[in-house]
Amino acid sequence: MSLIRSIFDFLRFNKRNWKAVVLCLSSATVFWFFNALNKRHSANISFPIVFDYNHENYVPVSDFPSSVRINVSGLGWDLLRKSSGLKVPPLVIPLERPTEIRKIVGSTLPALFATQLEGLQINFVLADTLHIDMDELVSKKFTVKIDSIRKYLNPDVGVFKEVNFKPDTVWVTGPKRIVYGLPNIISLTLPKTNISKDFDDEVEIIFNNHEILKRNPSAVDVSFEVEKLMEVNDRVKLDVYYGATKLRPSILTKEVNYSYRLPASLVKRMSADSVTASINVEERTAGNYKLIPVIRGLPAQAYLIKIDTVHINY
């Protein structure tokens, strides 16, 4: 019981004594901390890294690794400075033949970094492998167009003149295998749908999943005029292509009906003699078939909406 009382008596300080105790503890902590920083320690530290290569001839296909974790030894001061990120220049990895390298083994990095880590000794690199993907930097010229402009228009209107592009070509720069893998004609996506009036707007050139590609220009001006569509119904003689087949099927249909829609101002210029309808019966075996004729000769601005089917049997 007397022991417990002694402990309470020992702890019964006034406010001035408590301040003295806190000051002593703080001083001791600071002394210990500075003393520890003057000793050698080991630690795992993340260092920023950059790759040195010819930027005019090569380009990364995917993002480079931005850092590497290394176990290093050194004075506490140096480790504290490096781990806090203060005055830590990035470690440089030279790439003399970028397209021939796909990975860098972690065990080869200490030799590269040995002279770049002042005051620190490299024990080992924690990363097993750094993966990189580079390719030649190339530029190629492409033509632009709109893929299926019909889907952007109001159903009651159509384009009665050619779509204009200014400019009608674009230069694309990027990794060789990506640039040369693109189709020769770049399809544009209009920013609007259900268009019912004349269109004149700037359209950005977008490559989905290929943000690394650079475009010059990055957008083109697209313009076209629209006009109300008129429906036209007509008949045309049916041509049959037999090819080398010796079978001659029974075809009762001699003409087919078809309907199309065309901008009103073009209907008057339309020549029915330019339209043909045909079916191909080559390489067919005995049996009954229902075929859809192929209509040719309609203006590019016309939209075929209906055509008779043809029944044949052998």
Protein backbone atom coordinates (compact mmCIF):
# COMPACT_ATOMS: atom_id res chain seq x y z
CA MET A 1 0.00 0.00 0.00
CA SER A 2 2.89 2.31 0.80
CA LEU A 3 4.40 1.53 -2.61
CA ILE A 4 1.26 2.72 -4.43
CA ARG A 5 1.19 5.87 -2.33
CA SER A 6 4.82 6.56 -3.22
CA ILE A 7 4.04 6.27 -6.92
CA PHE A 8 1.17 8.76 -6.65
CA ASP A 9 3.38 11.13 -4.68
CA PHE A 10 6.01 10.89 -7.41
CA LEU A 11 3.49 11.73 -10.12
CA ARG A 12 1.95 14.59 -8.15
CA PHE A 13 3.71 17.44 -10.01
CA ASN A 14 2.54 20.95 -10.45
CA LYS A 15 2.10 22.44 -13.91
CA ARG A 16 5.62 23.87 -13.94
CA ASN A 17 7.12 20.40 -13.26
CA TRP A 18 5.06 18.83 -16.07
CA LYS A 19 6.37 21.39 -18.55
CA ALA A 20 9.90 20.53 -17.49
CA VAL A 21 9.24 16.81 -17.98
CA VAL A 22 7.80 17.39 -21.49
CA LEU A 23 10.77 19.56 -22.39
CA CYS A 24 13.20 16.89 -21.23
CA LEU A 25 11.40 14.18 -23.17
CA SER A 26 11.33 16.34 -26.31
CA SER A 27 15.03 17.10 -26.02
CA ALA A 28 15.83 13.44 -25.53
CA THR A 29 13.74 12.49 -28.58
CA VAL A 30 15.44 15.08 -30.76
CA PHE A 31 18.87 13.96 -29.54
CA TRP A 32 18.02 10.31 -30.31
CA PHE A 33 16.63 11.22 -33.74
CA PHE A 34 19.68 13.20 -34.81
CA ASN A 35 22.00 10.59 -33.42
CA ALA A 36 20.18 7.91 -35.44
CA LEU A 37 20.46 9.96 -38.65
CA ASN A 38 24.24 9.96 -38.29
CA LYS A 39 24.34 6.14 -38.46
CA ARG A 40 24.12 3.86 -41.51
CA HIS A 41 20.81 2.18 -42.28
CA SER A 42 19.10 0.17 -45.04
CA ALA A 43 15.74 1.02 -46.56
CA ASN A 44 13.48 0.33 -49.56
CA ILE A 45 13.04 3.55 -51.51
CA SER A 46 11.13 4.35 -54.71
CA PHE A 47 13.25 6.33 -57.17
CA PRO A 48 11.84 8.11 -60.25
CA ILE A 49 13.27 6.83 -63.53
CA VAL A 50 13.48 8.22 -67.07
CA PHE A 51 14.54 6.58 -70.32
CA ASP A 52 17.15 8.16 -72.57
CA TYR A 53 16.52 7.52 -76.29
CA ASN A 54 16.28 9.31 -79.64
CA HIS A 55 12.95 11.11 -79.38
CA GLU A 56 13.00 12.09 -83.06
CA ASN A 57 13.03 8.51 -84.34
CA TYR A 58 11.28 6.48 -81.65
CA VAL A 59 8.15 6.68 -79.52
CA PRO A 60 6.76 4.58 -76.62
CA VAL A 61 3.69 2.54 -77.56
CA SER A 62 2.59 2.32 -73.93
CA ASP A 63 3.52 4.32 -70.82
CA PHE A 64 6.98 3.76 -69.39
CA PRO A 65 7.45 2.63 -65.79
CA SER A 66 7.75 5.84 -63.77
CA SER A 67 9.69 4.54 -60.76
CA VAL A 68 11.64 1.59 -59.37
CA ARG A 69 12.01 0.39 -55.77
CA ILE A 70 15.58 -0.21 -54.62
CA ASN A 71 17.01 -1.44 -51.33
CA VAL A 72 19.86 0.92 -50.48
CA SER A 73 22.24 1.58 -47.57
CA GLY A 74 23.54 4.92 -46.40
CA LEU A 75 23.54 7.53 -43.68
CA GLY A 76 20.18 8.27 -42.14
CA TRP A 77 20.34 11.83 -43.48
CA ASP A 78 20.71 10.63 -47.07
CA LEU A 79 17.98 8.01 -46.71
CA LEU A 80 15.61 10.57 -45.20
CA ARG A 81 16.24 13.02 -48.02
CA LYS A 82 15.80 10.41 -50.74
CA SER A 83 12.69 8.81 -49.23
CA SER A 84 11.02 12.20 -48.77
CA GLY A 85 11.55 13.02 -52.45
CA LEU A 86 13.63 16.16 -51.76
CA LYS A 87 16.28 16.87 -54.40
CA VAL A 88 15.98 13.42 -55.96
CA PRO A 89 16.92 13.57 -59.64
CA PRO A 90 15.46 10.72 -61.71
CA LEU A 91 17.61 7.71 -62.47
CA VAL A 92 18.43 7.46 -66.18
CA ILE A 93 18.14 4.24 -68.19
CA PRO A 94 19.77 4.57 -71.65
CA LEU A 95 18.13 2.82 -74.61
CA GLU A 96 20.48 2.57 -77.59
CA ARG A 97 18.25 0.25 -79.67
CA PRO A 98 14.75 0.91 -78.30
CA THR A 99 12.79 -1.30 -80.70
CA GLU A 100 14.91 -4.35 -79.85
CA ILE A 101 14.27 -4.16 -76.12
CA ARG A 102 11.05 -5.44 -74.58
CA LYS A 103 12.14 -5.85 -70.96
CA ILE A 104 14.95 -4.89 -68.61
CA VAL A 105 15.81 -7.40 -65.90
CA GLY A 106 16.02 -5.86 -62.44
CA SER A 107 19.39 -7.48 -61.67
CA THR A 108 21.02 -5.43 -64.46
CA LEU A 109 19.95 -2.07 -63.01
CA PRO A 110 22.49 -1.69 -60.13
CA ALA A 111 25.31 -1.35 -62.66
CA LEU A 112 23.38 1.43 -64.44
CA PHE A 113 22.47 3.28 -61.24
CA ALA A 114 25.72 2.84 -59.28
CA THR A 115 27.16 6.22 -60.30
CA GLN A 116 23.78 8.01 -60.10
CA LEU A 117 23.02 7.47 -56.39
CA GLU A 118 25.34 9.81 -54.55
CA GLY A 119 25.99 8.77 -50.97
CA LEU A 120 23.98 5.54 -51.24
CA GLN A 121 24.96 1.94 -51.86
CA ILE A 122 22.63 -0.30 -53.87
CA ASN A 123 21.97 -3.65 -52.20
CA PHE A 124 19.40 -4.98 -54.67
CA VAL A 125 16.50 -3.93 -56.91
CA LEU A 126 13.07 -5.06 -55.73
CA ALA A 127 11.51 -5.06 -59.23
CA ASP A 128 12.09 -8.28 -61.14
CA THR A 129 11.54 -6.78 -64.61
CA LEU A 130 10.77 -3.44 -66.24
CA HIS A 131 8.60 -3.86 -69.34
CA ILE A 132 8.88 -1.35 -72.20
CA ASP A 133 7.29 -1.18 -75.64
CA MET A 134 8.72 1.16 -78.27
CA ASP A 135 8.43 1.53 -82.02
CA GLU A 136 9.68 3.71 -84.83
CA LEU A 137 8.08 7.14 -85.04
CA VAL A 138 6.43 7.58 -88.46
CA SER A 139 3.97 9.90 -90.21
CA LYS A 140 1.45 8.94 -92.87
CA LYS A 141 -1.14 10.84 -94.89
CA PHE A 142 -4.77 9.67 -94.77
CA THR A 143 -7.98 10.60 -96.58
CA VAL A 144 -11.04 11.42 -94.48
CA LYS A 145 -14.68 10.53 -95.08
CA ILE A 146 -17.97 10.01 -93.25
CA ASP A 147 -18.97 6.41 -92.84
CA SER A 148 -22.69 6.03 -93.70
CA ILE A 149 -23.87 9.63 -93.51
CA ARG A 150 -27.46 8.35 -93.66
CA LYS A 151 -27.37 7.44 -89.96
CA TYR A 152 -26.79 11.09 -89.03
CA LEU A 153 -29.70 12.49 -91.05
CA ASN A 154 -33.36 12.96 -90.31
CA PRO A 155 -35.30 10.21 -92.18
CA ASP A 156 -37.08 12.80 -94.34
CA VAL A 157 -33.98 14.50 -95.76
CA GLY A 158 -30.97 13.50 -97.83
CA VAL A 159 -27.70 14.97 -99.08
CA PHE A 160 -28.09 16.15 -102.68
CA LYS A 161 -24.49 17.28 -103.22
CA GLU A 162 -21.13 15.86 -102.28
CA VAL A 163 -19.94 16.19 -98.70
CA ASN A 164 -17.09 18.71 -98.49
CA PHE A 165 -14.03 18.28 -96.27
CA LYS A 166 -11.52 21.06 -95.60
CA PRO A 167 -8.89 19.72 -95.65
CA ASP A 168 -9.74 16.30 -97.06
CA THR A 169 -6.51 14.68 -95.80
CA VAL A 170 -4.77 14.45 -92.44
CA TRP A 171 -1.25 13.52 -91.32
CA VAL A 172 -1.08 10.98 -88.51
CA THR A 173 2.11 10.54 -86.45
CA GLY A 174 2.82 7.76 -83.99
CA PRO A 175 4.23 4.25 -83.53
CA LYS A 176 4.82 2.56 -86.90
CA ARG A 177 2.79 -0.57 -86.26
CA ILE A 178 -0.23 1.45 -85.10
CA VAL A 179 -0.09 4.06 -87.88
CA TYR A 180 0.41 1.47 -90.65
CA GLY A 181 -2.33 -0.67 -89.13
CA LEU A 182 -4.97 2.05 -89.67
CA PRO A 183 -7.30 1.87 -92.71
CA ASN A 184 -6.21 4.15 -95.55
CA ILE A 185 -9.41 6.17 -95.19
CA ILE A 186 -10.25 7.63 -91.77
CA SER A 187 -13.95 7.65 -90.93
CA LEU A 188 -15.24 10.72 -89.10
CA THR A 189 -18.01 10.72 -86.51
CA LEU A 190 -20.37 13.69 -86.71
CA PRO A 191 -21.20 15.39 -83.39
CA LYS A 192 -24.93 15.53 -84.25
CA THR A 193 -27.69 13.16 -85.32
CA ASN A 194 -31.15 13.65 -86.81
CA ILE A 195 -29.75 16.47 -88.95
CA SER A 196 -32.51 18.21 -90.93
CA LYS A 197 -30.70 21.38 -92.04
CA ASP A 198 -27.56 22.22 -93.97
CA PHE A 199 -24.50 21.24 -91.96
CA ASP A 200 -21.20 23.12 -91.56
CA ASP A 201 -19.12 22.34 -88.50
CA GLU A 202 -15.68 21.35 -87.33
CA VAL A 203 -15.33 17.62 -86.69
CA GLU A 204 -12.54 16.29 -84.48
CA ILE A 205 -10.50 13.34 -85.69
CA ILE A 206 -10.68 10.71 -82.95
CA PHE A 207 -8.83 7.41 -82.69
CA ASN A 208 -10.44 5.20 -80.08
CA ASN A 209 -7.86 3.31 -77.98
CA HIS A 210 -5.03 5.15 -79.75
CA GLU A 211 -4.66 8.38 -77.77
CA ILE A 212 -0.92 8.27 -78.45
CA LEU A 213 -1.46 9.20 -82.11
CA LYS A 214 -0.98 12.84 -83.14
CA ARG A 215 -3.07 14.39 -85.92
CA ASN A 216 -2.33 17.33 -88.15
CA PRO A 217 -4.81 18.90 -88.33
CA SER A 218 -6.68 17.55 -85.32
CA ALA A 219 -10.06 18.48 -86.86
CA VAL A 220 -11.53 19.17 -90.31
CA ASP A 221 -14.41 21.32 -91.45
CA VAL A 222 -17.31 19.23 -92.78
CA SER A 223 -20.18 20.75 -94.76
CA PHE A 224 -23.08 19.47 -96.83
CA GLU A 225 -26.51 20.56 -97.97
CA VAL A 226 -29.67 18.57 -97.32
CA GLU A 227 -33.01 18.49 -99.08
CA LYS A 228 -36.37 16.84 -98.51
CA LEU A 229 -36.57 13.32 -99.93
CA MET A 230 -39.11 12.26 -102.54
CA GLU A 231 -40.21 8.65 -102.95
CA VAL A 232 -40.00 7.16 -106.45
CA ASN A 233 -41.58 3.86 -107.60
CA ASP A 234 -40.43 2.20 -110.80
CA ARG A 235 -39.98 -1.09 -112.70
CA VAL A 236 -36.87 -2.47 -114.35
CA LYS A 237 -36.03 -5.50 -116.50
CA LEU A 238 -34.46 -8.42 -114.61
CA ASP A 239 -31.11 -9.73 -115.86
CA VAL A 240 -30.06 -13.26 -114.88
CA TYR A 241 -26.41 -14.29 -114.63
CA TYR A 242 -25.94 -18.04 -115.17
CA GLY A 243 -22.16 -18.21 -115.31
CA ALA A 244 -20.77 -21.65 -116.14
CA THR A 245 -23.67 -23.61 -114.67
CA LYS A 246 -25.51 -25.96 -117.01
CA LEU A 247 -28.72 -25.87 -115.01
CA ARG A 248 -31.35 -23.45 -116.21
CA PRO A 249 -33.88 -22.71 -113.47
CA SER A 250 -37.48 -21.69 -114.07
CA ILE A 251 -37.77 -17.91 -113.59
CA LEU A 252 -41.18 -16.43 -114.33
CA THR A 253 -40.27 -12.89 -113.28
CA LYS A 254 -39.16 -10.68 -116.14
CA GLU A 255 -39.32 -7.32 -114.37
CA VAL A 256 -39.12 -6.22 -110.75
CA ASN A 257 -40.68 -3.32 -108.89
CA TYR A 258 -38.48 -1.18 -106.71
CA SER A 259 -38.80 2.01 -104.67
CA TYR A 260 -36.23 4.52 -103.59
CA ARG A 261 -36.01 7.94 -102.02
CA LEU A 262 -34.03 10.77 -103.58
CA PRO A 263 -33.61 14.50 -102.88
CA ALA A 264 -36.37 16.31 -104.75
CA SER A 265 -34.07 18.38 -106.99
CA LEU A 266 -32.36 15.22 -108.27
CA VAL A 267 -35.52 13.35 -109.19
CA LYS A 268 -35.95 15.40 -112.38
CA ARG A 269 -32.42 14.55 -113.47
CA MET A 270 -32.88 10.84 -112.82
CA SER A 271 -32.74 8.60 -115.91
CA ALA A 272 -34.59 5.31 -115.50
CA ASP A 273 -32.52 3.80 -118.32
CA SER A 274 -29.43 3.89 -116.13
CA VAL A 275 -30.91 1.47 -113.57
CA THR A 276 -30.42 -2.31 -113.84
CA ALA A 277 -31.54 -5.27 -111.73
CA SER A 278 -29.81 -8.66 -111.72
CA ILE A 279 -29.60 -11.98 -109.90
CA ASN A 280 -26.81 -14.58 -109.90
CA VAL A 281 -27.88 -18.24 -110.14
CA GLU A 282 -24.40 -19.69 -110.66
CA GLU A 283 -23.27 -22.60 -108.46
CA ARG A 284 -26.71 -23.48 -107.13
CA THR A 285 -28.10 -26.99 -106.73
CA ALA A 286 -31.62 -28.17 -107.50
CA GLY A 287 -34.30 -26.67 -105.27
CA ASN A 288 -36.43 -23.59 -104.68
CA TYR A 289 -34.89 -20.20 -103.92
CA LYS A 290 -36.04 -16.71 -103.12
CA LEU A 291 -33.50 -14.12 -104.23
CA ILE A 292 -33.21 -10.36 -103.82
CA PRO A 293 -32.07 -8.66 -107.03
CA VAL A 294 -29.12 -6.29 -107.00
CA ILE A 295 -30.06 -2.78 -108.15
CA ARG A 296 -27.33 -0.74 -109.84
CA GLY A 297 -27.29 2.68 -111.45
CA LEU A 298 -29.09 4.69 -108.78
CA PRO A 299 -27.47 8.02 -107.84
CA ALA A 300 -25.20 7.99 -104.81
CA GLN A 301 -27.76 10.19 -103.00
CA ALA A 302 -30.58 7.66 -103.48
CA TYR A 303 -31.79 5.32 -100.72
CA LEU A 304 -33.33 2.04 -101.87
CA ILE A 305 -36.28 1.24 -99.60
CA LYS A 306 -38.07 -1.67 -101.33
CA ILE A 307 -37.56 -4.23 -104.10
CA ASP A 308 -39.48 -7.31 -105.23
CA THR A 309 -37.98 -10.72 -104.46
CA VAL A 310 -37.59 -13.28 -107.26
CA HIS A 311 -38.61 -16.95 -106.89
CA ILE A 312 -36.68 -19.55 -108.85
CA ASN A 313 -36.76 -23.35 -108.92
CA TYR A 314 -34.74 -26.09 -110.64
